[in-house]
Amino acid sequence: MPLVDWPLHQLKQYKPESTAQPDFDSFWRETLAEAAKTPLDVKLTPYPFPNKTADLFELTYRGGDGTVIHGWYVRPKEASTDNPVPAVIRYHGYTGSRGIPVDQLHWTTLGMAAIIVDVRGQGGQTPDSTVYPQGGIAGWLTYGILDPKTYYYRQVYVDSVRAVDVADSLPEIDSSRIGVCGGSQGGGLALAVAGLDARPKITMPAYPFLSDFRRSVEQAGAGPYPEIVKWFRMFDPERKREADVFRTLSYFDVMNHAARVKARTLMAITLQDTVCPPSTCFAAYNHIEAPKEYRIYPDYGHEALPFFQEEMMRFAAEHL
């Protein structure tokens, strides 16, 4: 098949310079400390489903700004305070939602609990209560883009870290055996969470979104990144504020978060991906200093990878 990015040997060597600002770490410490002042307020509502091996619940908790975040929680019936089990937290792709709880039942076959949460304002029940100081392009990638303190993904990253807080708060979950995973946007969030929080023991991203923003905007021919180009066309046609935009994005670039990941990592990269170009995935992967491995799928693009689901199960079974 024709290449959509560089040849594989070049991709494997690609490690762009970090764009992290001098206050990157303090920005996130302060952001998470501020969020921690909001009570988590975890609520579990049993979800009726004919099943003999697992318990299913609708999950809600509060984001750092008080927004009620919706998710699902499933756990094997044997999980208890006296028998705590590992847990995997999954984040979904752009425009998606938490889906249905039975989609996570495969984790319970390994004796693990699973949590999946909505990304605020996207395709699920979780609203986005943030007020942004200026307009944006349809989608979410450009809202509040001129300042990291007002950027859409600031609260999304907080929501995602607080999902780890939820798992840590449940007495039937072994907080020393938590993993995070997801594809595309979910993959980016899994990497960001593992960079922001030391509790995840493993992270399993597939073709992570939100990585190497500069190259992604230049290279991606489909998906969300063109929203940023449209924003420039609409609001800044001479790109006078380009430096401000990419400075904001640097705080959310999972390439920069990847350098702070301590969790053992398994990443899937597809070489026909025009949404999250392979080079931008390698940009994140090559900044990870923790134990890591990848699975490369040369003939696949931005699509479902059921075989990688099996790889994640094997990886989690071995390392959680």
C-alpha atoms as a PDB file:
ATOM      1  CA  MET A   1       0.000   0.000   0.000  1.00  0.00           C
ATOM      2  CA  PRO A   2       1.201   3.589  -0.558  1.00  0.00           C
ATOM      3  CA  LEU A   3       2.861   5.308   2.376  1.00  0.00           C
ATOM      4  CA  VAL A   4       0.869   7.994   4.205  1.00  0.00           C
ATOM      5  CA  ASP A   5       3.934   9.064   6.217  1.00  0.00           C
ATOM      6  CA  TRP A   6       7.655   8.351   6.313  1.00  0.00           C
ATOM      7  CA  PRO A   7       9.086   4.848   5.752  1.00  0.00           C
ATOM      8  CA  LEU A   8       9.072   2.662   8.859  1.00  0.00           C
ATOM      9  CA  HIS A   9      12.831   2.843   9.452  1.00  0.00           C
ATOM     10  CA  GLN A  10      12.562   6.641   9.571  1.00  0.00           C
ATOM     11  CA  LEU A  11       9.476   6.573  11.778  1.00  0.00           C
ATOM     12  CA  LYS A  12      11.283   4.428  14.334  1.00  0.00           C
ATOM     13  CA  GLN A  13      13.963   7.110  14.700  1.00  0.00           C
ATOM     14  CA  TYR A  14      11.612  10.095  14.917  1.00  0.00           C
ATOM     15  CA  LYS A  15      11.918  11.890  18.260  1.00  0.00           C
ATOM     16  CA  PRO A  16      11.135  15.591  17.913  1.00  0.00           C
ATOM     17  CA  GLU A  17      12.357  18.015  20.529  1.00  0.00           C
ATOM     18  CA  SER A  18      10.063  18.448  23.499  1.00  0.00           C
ATOM     19  CA  THR A  19       7.831  21.511  23.371  1.00  0.00           C
ATOM     20  CA  ALA A  20       7.126  21.481  27.124  1.00  0.00           C
ATOM     21  CA  GLN A  21       7.204  24.985  28.572  1.00  0.00           C
ATOM     22  CA  PRO A  22       9.336  25.759  31.654  1.00  0.00           C
ATOM     23  CA  ASP A  23       6.211  25.787  33.827  1.00  0.00           C
ATOM     24  CA  PHE A  24       4.728  22.593  32.322  1.00  0.00           C
ATOM     25  CA  ASP A  25       5.013  20.552  35.524  1.00  0.00           C
ATOM     26  CA  SER A  26       3.958  23.357  37.853  1.00  0.00           C
ATOM     27  CA  PHE A  27       0.978  24.132  35.608  1.00  0.00           C
ATOM     28  CA  TRP A  28      -0.275  20.571  35.988  1.00  0.00           C
ATOM     29  CA  ARG A  29       0.535  20.331  39.705  1.00  0.00           C
ATOM     30  CA  GLU A  30      -1.493  23.468  40.329  1.00  0.00           C
ATOM     31  CA  THR A  31      -4.313  22.336  38.037  1.00  0.00           C
ATOM     32  CA  LEU A  32      -4.667  18.970  39.778  1.00  0.00           C
ATOM     33  CA  ALA A  33      -4.299  20.499  43.250  1.00  0.00           C
ATOM     34  CA  GLU A  34      -7.086  22.952  42.464  1.00  0.00           C
ATOM     35  CA  ALA A  35      -9.284  20.132  41.138  1.00  0.00           C
ATOM     36  CA  ALA A  36      -8.663  18.034  44.247  1.00  0.00           C
ATOM     37  CA  LYS A  37     -10.571  20.607  46.315  1.00  0.00           C
ATOM     38  CA  THR A  38     -13.791  19.405  44.643  1.00  0.00           C
ATOM     39  CA  PRO A  39     -15.259  16.311  46.320  1.00  0.00           C
ATOM     40  CA  LEU A  40     -15.217  13.269  44.044  1.00  0.00           C
ATOM     41  CA  ASP A  41     -18.775  12.305  45.044  1.00  0.00           C
ATOM     42  CA  VAL A  42     -18.699   8.808  43.525  1.00  0.00           C
ATOM     43  CA  LYS A  43     -22.090   7.194  42.967  1.00  0.00           C
ATOM     44  CA  LEU A  44     -22.709   3.632  41.744  1.00  0.00           C
ATOM     45  CA  THR A  45     -26.166   2.605  40.555  1.00  0.00           C
ATOM     46  CA  PRO A  46     -26.686  -1.103  39.809  1.00  0.00           C
ATOM     47  CA  TYR A  47     -27.387  -1.744  36.139  1.00  0.00           C
ATOM     48  CA  PRO A  48     -29.761  -4.654  35.522  1.00  0.00           C
ATOM     49  CA  PHE A  49     -28.216  -7.103  33.077  1.00  0.00           C
ATOM     50  CA  PRO A  50     -28.567 -10.894  33.012  1.00  0.00           C
ATOM     51  CA  ASN A  51     -25.096 -11.988  33.995  1.00  0.00           C
ATOM     52  CA  LYS A  52     -23.792 -14.614  36.423  1.00  0.00           C
ATOM     53  CA  THR A  53     -20.142 -13.622  36.690  1.00  0.00           C
ATOM     54  CA  ALA A  54     -20.016  -9.817  37.020  1.00  0.00           C
ATOM     55  CA  ASP A  55     -21.757  -6.842  38.586  1.00  0.00           C
ATOM     56  CA  LEU A  56     -22.522  -3.811  36.414  1.00  0.00           C
ATOM     57  CA  PHE A  57     -23.051  -0.244  37.578  1.00  0.00           C
ATOM     58  CA  GLU A  58     -23.735   3.176  36.181  1.00  0.00           C
ATOM     59  CA  LEU A  59     -20.978   5.399  37.551  1.00  0.00           C
ATOM     60  CA  THR A  60     -20.988   9.130  38.193  1.00  0.00           C
ATOM     61  CA  TYR A  61     -18.373  11.335  39.819  1.00  0.00           C
ATOM     62  CA  ARG A  62     -17.469  15.010  39.712  1.00  0.00           C
ATOM     63  CA  GLY A  63     -14.805  16.640  37.597  1.00  0.00           C
ATOM     64  CA  GLY A  64     -12.561  19.265  39.111  1.00  0.00           C
ATOM     65  CA  ASP A  65     -15.035  22.010  38.187  1.00  0.00           C
ATOM     66  CA  GLY A  66     -17.992  20.090  39.652  1.00  0.00           C
ATOM     67  CA  THR A  67     -19.325  18.726  36.356  1.00  0.00           C
ATOM     68  CA  VAL A  68     -20.965  15.324  36.792  1.00  0.00           C
ATOM     69  CA  ILE A  69     -18.999  12.782  34.745  1.00  0.00           C
ATOM     70  CA  HIS A  70     -20.850   9.669  33.585  1.00  0.00           C
ATOM     71  CA  GLY A  71     -19.325   6.252  33.124  1.00  0.00           C
ATOM     72  CA  TRP A  72     -19.733   2.526  33.574  1.00  0.00           C
ATOM     73  CA  TYR A  73     -18.172   0.261  36.153  1.00  0.00           C
ATOM     74  CA  VAL A  74     -18.080  -3.521  35.870  1.00  0.00           C
ATOM     75  CA  ARG A  75     -16.434  -5.899  38.314  1.00  0.00           C
ATOM     76  CA  PRO A  76     -16.170  -9.637  38.769  1.00  0.00           C
ATOM     77  CA  LYS A  77     -18.539 -10.945  41.438  1.00  0.00           C
ATOM     78  CA  GLU A  78     -15.644 -12.258  43.489  1.00  0.00           C
ATOM     79  CA  ALA A  79     -14.248  -8.725  43.958  1.00  0.00           C
ATOM     80  CA  SER A  80     -14.494  -7.563  47.557  1.00  0.00           C
ATOM     81  CA  THR A  81     -12.676  -5.637  50.243  1.00  0.00           C
ATOM     82  CA  ASP A  82     -11.070  -8.916  51.285  1.00  0.00           C
ATOM     83  CA  ASN A  83     -10.319  -9.854  47.667  1.00  0.00           C
ATOM     84  CA  PRO A  84      -9.394  -6.668  45.785  1.00  0.00           C
ATOM     85  CA  VAL A  85      -8.906  -7.015  42.031  1.00  0.00           C
ATOM     86  CA  PRO A  86      -6.975  -5.089  39.362  1.00  0.00           C
ATOM     87  CA  ALA A  87      -8.802  -2.505  37.271  1.00  0.00           C
ATOM     88  CA  VAL A  88      -8.497  -1.144  33.744  1.00  0.00           C
ATOM     89  CA  ILE A  89      -9.756   2.368  32.944  1.00  0.00           C
ATOM     90  CA  ARG A  90     -10.678   3.002  29.324  1.00  0.00           C
ATOM     91  CA  TYR A  91     -11.062   6.360  27.574  1.00  0.00           C
ATOM     92  CA  HIS A  92     -13.010   6.668  24.326  1.00  0.00           C
ATOM     93  CA  GLY A  93     -12.310   8.239  20.956  1.00  0.00           C
ATOM     94  CA  TYR A  94     -13.209  11.712  19.662  1.00  0.00           C
ATOM     95  CA  THR A  95     -16.997  12.314  19.375  1.00  0.00           C
ATOM     96  CA  GLY A  96     -17.627   8.994  21.150  1.00  0.00           C
ATOM     97  CA  SER A  97     -19.063   8.041  24.528  1.00  0.00           C
ATOM     98  CA  ARG A  98     -18.831   5.470  27.303  1.00  0.00           C
ATOM     99  CA  GLY A  99     -20.883   3.139  25.103  1.00  0.00           C
ATOM    100  CA  ILE A 100     -22.678   0.278  26.831  1.00  0.00           C
ATOM    101  CA  PRO A 101     -21.403  -1.517  29.922  1.00  0.00           C
ATOM    102  CA  VAL A 102     -21.352  -4.993  28.391  1.00  0.00           C
ATOM    103  CA  ASP A 103     -18.561  -3.807  26.063  1.00  0.00           C
ATOM    104  CA  GLN A 104     -16.226  -3.943  29.064  1.00  0.00           C
ATOM    105  CA  LEU A 105     -17.170  -7.398  30.355  1.00  0.00           C
ATOM    106  CA  HIS A 106     -14.171  -9.077  28.711  1.00  0.00           C
ATOM    107  CA  TRP A 107     -11.984  -7.623  31.470  1.00  0.00           C
ATOM    108  CA  THR A 108     -13.972  -9.485  34.102  1.00  0.00           C
ATOM    109  CA  THR A 109     -13.037 -12.782  32.434  1.00  0.00           C
ATOM    110  CA  LEU A 110      -9.494 -11.986  33.620  1.00  0.00           C
ATOM    111  CA  GLY A 111     -10.729 -11.287  37.143  1.00  0.00           C
ATOM    112  CA  MET A 112     -10.371  -7.530  36.590  1.00  0.00           C
ATOM    113  CA  ALA A 113     -12.726  -4.618  37.062  1.00  0.00           C
ATOM    114  CA  ALA A 114     -13.199  -2.029  34.315  1.00  0.00           C
ATOM    115  CA  ILE A 115     -14.212   1.618  34.187  1.00  0.00           C
ATOM    116  CA  ILE A 116     -15.023   3.654  31.089  1.00  0.00           C
ATOM    117  CA  VAL A 117     -15.970   7.331  31.295  1.00  0.00           C
ATOM    118  CA  ASP A 118     -17.459   9.957  29.002  1.00  0.00           C
ATOM    119  CA  VAL A 119     -15.332  12.782  27.678  1.00  0.00           C
ATOM    120  CA  ARG A 120     -17.263  15.901  28.583  1.00  0.00           C
ATOM    121  CA  GLY A 121     -19.435  17.522  25.944  1.00  0.00           C
ATOM    122  CA  GLN A 122     -18.904  14.831  23.325  1.00  0.00           C
ATOM    123  CA  GLY A 123     -21.181  11.915  22.440  1.00  0.00           C
ATOM    124  CA  GLY A 124     -22.281  10.783  25.883  1.00  0.00           C
ATOM    125  CA  GLN A 125     -24.389  12.023  28.785  1.00  0.00           C
ATOM    126  CA  THR A 126     -21.668  14.185  30.330  1.00  0.00           C
ATOM    127  CA  PRO A 127     -22.141  17.911  29.636  1.00  0.00           C
ATOM    128  CA  ASP A 128     -19.396  20.475  29.206  1.00  0.00           C
ATOM    129  CA  SER A 129     -20.175  23.268  31.657  1.00  0.00           C
ATOM    130  CA  THR A 130     -17.071  25.336  30.823  1.00  0.00           C
ATOM    131  CA  VAL A 131     -17.529  28.881  29.512  1.00  0.00           C
ATOM    132  CA  TYR A 132     -14.909  29.697  26.868  1.00  0.00           C
ATOM    133  CA  PRO A 133     -13.569  33.217  26.274  1.00  0.00           C
ATOM    134  CA  GLN A 134     -13.809  33.058  22.476  1.00  0.00           C
ATOM    135  CA  GLY A 135     -15.435  31.061  19.720  1.00  0.00           C
ATOM    136  CA  GLY A 136     -14.177  27.907  18.086  1.00  0.00           C
ATOM    137  CA  ILE A 137     -14.668  25.605  15.151  1.00  0.00           C
ATOM    138  CA  ALA A 138     -17.231  22.785  15.254  1.00  0.00           C
ATOM    139  CA  GLY A 139     -15.685  20.043  17.361  1.00  0.00           C
ATOM    140  CA  TRP A 140     -13.712  20.627  20.573  1.00  0.00           C
ATOM    141  CA  LEU A 141     -10.091  21.023  19.555  1.00  0.00           C
ATOM    142  CA  THR A 142     -10.082  24.830  19.361  1.00  0.00           C
ATOM    143  CA  TYR A 143     -12.217  25.936  22.319  1.00  0.00           C
ATOM    144  CA  GLY A 144     -10.211  28.233  24.594  1.00  0.00           C
ATOM    145  CA  ILE A 145      -7.115  27.608  22.474  1.00  0.00           C
ATOM    146  CA  LEU A 146      -5.364  30.911  23.222  1.00  0.00           C
ATOM    147  CA  ASP A 147      -4.612  30.110  26.868  1.00  0.00           C
ATOM    148  CA  PRO A 148      -3.808  26.771  28.539  1.00  0.00           C
ATOM    149  CA  LYS A 149      -5.930  27.766  31.549  1.00  0.00           C
ATOM    150  CA  THR A 150      -9.021  28.108  29.366  1.00  0.00           C
ATOM    151  CA  TYR A 151      -8.347  25.297  26.872  1.00  0.00           C
ATOM    152  CA  TYR A 152     -11.008  22.589  26.513  1.00  0.00           C
ATOM    153  CA  TYR A 153      -8.678  19.691  27.238  1.00  0.00           C
ATOM    154  CA  ARG A 154      -7.543  21.083  30.594  1.00  0.00           C
ATOM    155  CA  GLN A 155     -10.744  19.908  32.245  1.00  0.00           C
ATOM    156  CA  VAL A 156     -10.817  16.738  30.123  1.00  0.00           C
ATOM    157  CA  TYR A 157      -7.374  15.738  31.409  1.00  0.00           C
ATOM    158  CA  VAL A 158      -8.523  16.473  34.962  1.00  0.00           C
ATOM    159  CA  ASP A 159     -11.668  14.358  34.458  1.00  0.00           C
ATOM    160  CA  SER A 160      -9.467  11.540  33.176  1.00  0.00           C
ATOM    161  CA  VAL A 161      -7.077  11.646  36.147  1.00  0.00           C
ATOM    162  CA  ARG A 162     -10.039  11.706  38.510  1.00  0.00           C
ATOM    163  CA  ALA A 163     -11.206   8.426  36.982  1.00  0.00           C
ATOM    164  CA  VAL A 164      -8.051   6.990  38.581  1.00  0.00           C
ATOM    165  CA  ASP A 165      -9.157   8.631  41.835  1.00  0.00           C
ATOM    166  CA  VAL A 166     -12.451   6.768  41.465  1.00  0.00           C
ATOM    167  CA  ALA A 167     -10.719   3.416  41.023  1.00  0.00           C
ATOM    168  CA  ASP A 168      -8.427   4.208  43.954  1.00  0.00           C
ATOM    169  CA  SER A 169     -11.438   4.986  46.151  1.00  0.00           C
ATOM    170  CA  LEU A 170     -13.210   1.652  45.630  1.00  0.00           C
ATOM    171  CA  PRO A 171     -12.172  -0.837  48.328  1.00  0.00           C
ATOM    172  CA  GLU A 172     -12.642  -3.856  46.044  1.00  0.00           C
ATOM    173  CA  ILE A 173     -10.005  -2.501  43.620  1.00  0.00           C
ATOM    174  CA  ASP A 174      -6.306  -3.045  44.271  1.00  0.00           C
ATOM    175  CA  SER A 175      -4.946   0.472  43.776  1.00  0.00           C
ATOM    176  CA  SER A 176      -1.460  -0.886  43.088  1.00  0.00           C
ATOM    177  CA  ARG A 177      -2.781  -2.670  39.967  1.00  0.00           C
ATOM    178  CA  ILE A 178      -4.512  -0.039  37.832  1.00  0.00           C
ATOM    179  CA  GLY A 179      -4.121   0.195  34.055  1.00  0.00           C
ATOM    180  CA  VAL A 180      -5.312   2.799  31.549  1.00  0.00           C
ATOM    181  CA  CYS A 181      -6.062   2.340  27.872  1.00  0.00           C
ATOM    182  CA  GLY A 182      -7.873   3.753  24.854  1.00  0.00           C
ATOM    183  CA  GLY A 183      -7.650   4.399  21.150  1.00  0.00           C
ATOM    184  CA  SER A 184      -7.147   7.700  19.309  1.00  0.00           C
ATOM    185  CA  GLN A 185      -8.362  10.402  21.732  1.00  0.00           C
ATOM    186  CA  GLY A 186      -8.609   7.649  24.335  1.00  0.00           C
ATOM    187  CA  GLY A 187      -5.020   6.652  23.623  1.00  0.00           C
ATOM    188  CA  GLY A 188      -3.871  10.214  24.087  1.00  0.00           C
ATOM    189  CA  LEU A 189      -5.753  10.447  27.380  1.00  0.00           C
ATOM    190  CA  ALA A 190      -4.285   7.142  28.574  1.00  0.00           C
ATOM    191  CA  LEU A 191      -0.773   8.486  27.934  1.00  0.00           C
ATOM    192  CA  ALA A 192      -1.524  11.874  29.491  1.00  0.00           C
ATOM    193  CA  VAL A 193      -2.963  10.260  32.623  1.00  0.00           C
ATOM    194  CA  ALA A 194       0.075   7.980  32.953  1.00  0.00           C
ATOM    195  CA  GLY A 195       2.295  11.050  32.631  1.00  0.00           C
ATOM    196  CA  LEU A 196       0.334  13.095  35.150  1.00  0.00           C
ATOM    197  CA  ASP A 197      -0.245  10.377  37.742  1.00  0.00           C
ATOM    198  CA  ALA A 198       2.114   7.689  39.028  1.00  0.00           C
ATOM    199  CA  ARG A 199      -0.651   5.265  40.036  1.00  0.00           C
ATOM    200  CA  PRO A 200      -1.285   3.535  36.688  1.00  0.00           C
ATOM    201  CA  LYS A 201       0.978   0.511  36.486  1.00  0.00           C
ATOM    202  CA  ILE A 202       0.412   0.001  32.763  1.00  0.00           C
ATOM    203  CA  THR A 203      -0.824   2.135  29.876  1.00  0.00           C
ATOM    204  CA  MET A 204      -2.067   0.711  26.568  1.00  0.00           C
ATOM    205  CA  PRO A 205      -2.710   3.421  23.942  1.00  0.00           C
ATOM    206  CA  ALA A 206      -3.638   2.763  20.325  1.00  0.00           C
ATOM    207  CA  TYR A 207      -2.707   5.393  17.697  1.00  0.00           C
ATOM    208  CA  PRO A 208      -2.771   8.216  20.251  1.00  0.00           C
ATOM    209  CA  PHE A 209      -4.388  11.504  19.325  1.00  0.00           C
ATOM    210  CA  LEU A 210      -3.164  14.825  20.808  1.00  0.00           C
ATOM    211  CA  SER A 211       0.493  14.079  20.046  1.00  0.00           C
ATOM    212  CA  ASP A 212       3.107  16.213  18.276  1.00  0.00           C
ATOM    213  CA  PHE A 213       0.583  18.942  17.496  1.00  0.00           C
ATOM    214  CA  ARG A 214       2.744  20.865  15.065  1.00  0.00           C
ATOM    215  CA  ARG A 215       3.346  17.891  12.785  1.00  0.00           C
ATOM    216  CA  SER A 216      -0.194  16.600  13.247  1.00  0.00           C
ATOM    217  CA  VAL A 217      -1.675  19.873  12.029  1.00  0.00           C
ATOM    218  CA  GLU A 218       0.685  19.875   9.043  1.00  0.00           C
ATOM    219  CA  GLN A 219       0.286  16.194   8.167  1.00  0.00           C
ATOM    220  CA  ALA A 220      -3.209  14.956   9.088  1.00  0.00           C
ATOM    221  CA  GLY A 221      -5.566  14.919   6.139  1.00  0.00           C
ATOM    222  CA  ALA A 222      -8.649  13.759   8.034  1.00  0.00           C
ATOM    223  CA  GLY A 223     -10.141  13.769  11.514  1.00  0.00           C
ATOM    224  CA  PRO A 224     -10.026  16.542  14.121  1.00  0.00           C
ATOM    225  CA  TYR A 225      -6.645  18.208  13.471  1.00  0.00           C
ATOM    226  CA  PRO A 226      -7.966  20.201  10.473  1.00  0.00           C
ATOM    227  CA  GLU A 227     -10.182  22.026  12.990  1.00  0.00           C
ATOM    228  CA  ILE A 228      -7.076  23.977  14.006  1.00  0.00           C
ATOM    229  CA  VAL A 229      -6.392  24.998  10.395  1.00  0.00           C
ATOM    230  CA  LYS A 230     -10.042  26.066  10.065  1.00  0.00           C
ATOM    231  CA  TRP A 231      -9.683  28.094  13.249  1.00  0.00           C
ATOM    232  CA  PHE A 232      -6.755  29.994  11.750  1.00  0.00           C
ATOM    233  CA  ARG A 233      -8.726  30.576   8.542  1.00  0.00           C
ATOM    234  CA  MET A 234     -11.693  31.909  10.483  1.00  0.00           C
ATOM    235  CA  PHE A 235     -10.111  33.824  13.369  1.00  0.00           C
ATOM    236  CA  ASP A 236      -6.459  34.445  12.508  1.00  0.00           C
ATOM    237  CA  PRO A 237      -5.898  34.265   8.735  1.00  0.00           C
ATOM    238  CA  GLU A 238      -2.415  35.787   8.940  1.00  0.00           C
ATOM    239  CA  ARG A 239      -1.476  33.462  11.831  1.00  0.00           C
ATOM    240  CA  LYS A 240      -0.393  36.339  14.012  1.00  0.00           C
ATOM    241  CA  ARG A 241      -1.276  34.289  17.097  1.00  0.00           C
ATOM    242  CA  GLU A 242       0.217  31.025  15.900  1.00  0.00           C
ATOM    243  CA  ALA A 243       2.845  31.060  18.650  1.00  0.00           C
ATOM    244  CA  ASP A 244       0.113  31.485  21.291  1.00  0.00           C
ATOM    245  CA  VAL A 245      -1.883  28.593  19.848  1.00  0.00           C
ATOM    246  CA  PHE A 246       1.004  26.147  19.811  1.00  0.00           C
ATOM    247  CA  ARG A 247       2.171  27.307  23.223  1.00  0.00           C
ATOM    248  CA  THR A 248      -1.256  26.393  24.602  1.00  0.00           C
ATOM    249  CA  LEU A 249      -1.208  23.049  22.821  1.00  0.00           C
ATOM    250  CA  SER A 250       2.228  22.225  24.237  1.00  0.00           C
ATOM    251  CA  TYR A 251       0.715  21.740  27.703  1.00  0.00           C
ATOM    252  CA  PHE A 252      -1.594  19.070  26.316  1.00  0.00           C
ATOM    253  CA  ASP A 253       0.769  17.439  23.847  1.00  0.00           C
ATOM    254  CA  VAL A 254       1.025  13.795  24.907  1.00  0.00           C
ATOM    255  CA  MET A 255       4.503  13.732  23.394  1.00  0.00           C
ATOM    256  CA  ASN A 256       5.476  15.934  26.353  1.00  0.00           C
ATOM    257  CA  HIS A 257       3.445  13.873  28.821  1.00  0.00           C
ATOM    258  CA  ALA A 258       4.977  10.665  27.469  1.00  0.00           C
ATOM    259  CA  ALA A 259       8.401  11.724  28.711  1.00  0.00           C
ATOM    260  CA  ARG A 260       6.948  11.638  32.245  1.00  0.00           C
ATOM    261  CA  VAL A 261       5.287   8.205  31.969  1.00  0.00           C
ATOM    262  CA  LYS A 262       6.475   5.658  34.533  1.00  0.00           C
ATOM    263  CA  ALA A 263       3.960   2.955  33.605  1.00  0.00           C
ATOM    264  CA  ARG A 264       4.905  -0.033  31.465  1.00  0.00           C
ATOM    265  CA  THR A 265       3.565   0.770  28.002  1.00  0.00           C
ATOM    266  CA  LEU A 266       2.085  -1.181  25.109  1.00  0.00           C
ATOM    267  CA  MET A 267       1.245   0.955  22.038  1.00  0.00           C
ATOM    268  CA  ALA A 268      -0.482   0.100  18.766  1.00  0.00           C
ATOM    269  CA  ILE A 269       0.552   2.080  15.679  1.00  0.00           C
ATOM    270  CA  THR A 270      -1.073   1.729  12.267  1.00  0.00           C
ATOM    271  CA  LEU A 271       0.870   2.854   9.217  1.00  0.00           C
ATOM    272  CA  GLN A 272      -2.096   3.820   7.019  1.00  0.00           C
ATOM    273  CA  ASP A 273      -3.490   6.309   9.539  1.00  0.00           C
ATOM    274  CA  THR A 274      -4.346   9.716   8.068  1.00  0.00           C
ATOM    275  CA  VAL A 275      -6.101  10.897  11.263  1.00  0.00           C
ATOM    276  CA  CYS A 276      -3.268  10.332  13.764  1.00  0.00           C
ATOM    277  CA  PRO A 277      -0.246  10.090  11.457  1.00  0.00           C
ATOM    278  CA  PRO A 278       2.216   7.320  12.377  1.00  0.00           C
ATOM    279  CA  SER A 279       5.052   9.809  12.904  1.00  0.00           C
ATOM    280  CA  THR A 280       3.064  11.575  15.629  1.00  0.00           C
ATOM    281  CA  CYS A 281       2.509   8.264  17.420  1.00  0.00           C
ATOM    282  CA  PHE A 282       6.215   7.485  17.265  1.00  0.00           C
ATOM    283  CA  ALA A 283       6.874  11.007  18.569  1.00  0.00           C
ATOM    284  CA  ALA A 284       5.095  10.007  21.780  1.00  0.00           C
ATOM    285  CA  TYR A 285       6.471   6.475  21.887  1.00  0.00           C
ATOM    286  CA  ASN A 286      10.079   7.558  21.490  1.00  0.00           C
ATOM    287  CA  HIS A 287       9.794   9.992  24.405  1.00  0.00           C
ATOM    288  CA  ILE A 288       8.707   7.232  26.805  1.00  0.00           C
ATOM    289  CA  GLU A 289      11.551   6.146  29.054  1.00  0.00           C
ATOM    290  CA  ALA A 290       9.579   3.487  30.952  1.00  0.00           C
ATOM    291  CA  PRO A 291       9.599  -0.160  29.785  1.00  0.00           C
ATOM    292  CA  LYS A 292       7.716  -0.189  26.508  1.00  0.00           C
ATOM    293  CA  GLU A 293       6.812  -2.182  23.433  1.00  0.00           C
ATOM    294  CA  TYR A 294       4.686  -1.626  20.375  1.00  0.00           C
ATOM    295  CA  ARG A 295       2.588  -3.526  17.871  1.00  0.00           C
ATOM    296  CA  ILE A 296       2.760  -2.177  14.309  1.00  0.00           C
ATOM    297  CA  TYR A 297      -0.031  -2.863  11.824  1.00  0.00           C
ATOM    298  CA  PRO A 298       1.276  -1.814   8.391  1.00  0.00           C
ATOM    299  CA  ASP A 299      -1.972  -2.281   6.442  1.00  0.00           C
ATOM    300  CA  TYR A 300      -4.394  -0.713   8.908  1.00  0.00           C
ATOM    301  CA  GLY A 301      -5.518   2.873   9.343  1.00  0.00           C
ATOM    302  CA  HIS A 302      -7.628   4.664  11.921  1.00  0.00           C
ATOM    303  CA  GLU A 303      -9.994   1.775  12.593  1.00  0.00           C
ATOM    304  CA  ALA A 304     -10.949  -0.940  15.036  1.00  0.00           C
ATOM    305  CA  LEU A 305      -8.150  -3.312  15.992  1.00  0.00           C
ATOM    306  CA  PRO A 306      -9.808  -6.325  17.663  1.00  0.00           C
ATOM    307  CA  PHE A 307      -6.538  -8.243  17.636  1.00  0.00           C
ATOM    308  CA  PHE A 308      -4.925  -5.443  19.648  1.00  0.00           C
ATOM    309  CA  GLN A 309      -7.719  -5.894  22.188  1.00  0.00           C
ATOM    310  CA  GLU A 310      -6.428  -9.424  22.647  1.00  0.00           C
ATOM    311  CA  GLU A 311      -2.877  -8.092  22.948  1.00  0.00           C
ATOM    312  CA  MET A 312      -4.007  -5.696  25.671  1.00  0.00           C
ATOM    313  CA  MET A 313      -5.681  -8.520  27.570  1.00  0.00           C
ATOM    314  CA  ARG A 314      -2.502 -10.582  27.443  1.00  0.00           C
ATOM    315  CA  PHE A 315      -0.429  -7.570  28.491  1.00  0.00           C
ATOM    316  CA  ALA A 316      -2.751  -6.737  31.390  1.00  0.00           C
ATOM    317  CA  ALA A 317      -2.893 -10.355  32.508  1.00  0.00           C
ATOM    318  CA  GLU A 318       0.902 -10.420  32.677  1.00  0.00           C
ATOM    319  CA  HIS A 319       1.574  -7.037  34.253  1.00  0.00           C
ATOM    320  CA  LEU A 320      -1.414  -6.187  36.478  1.00  0.00           C
END
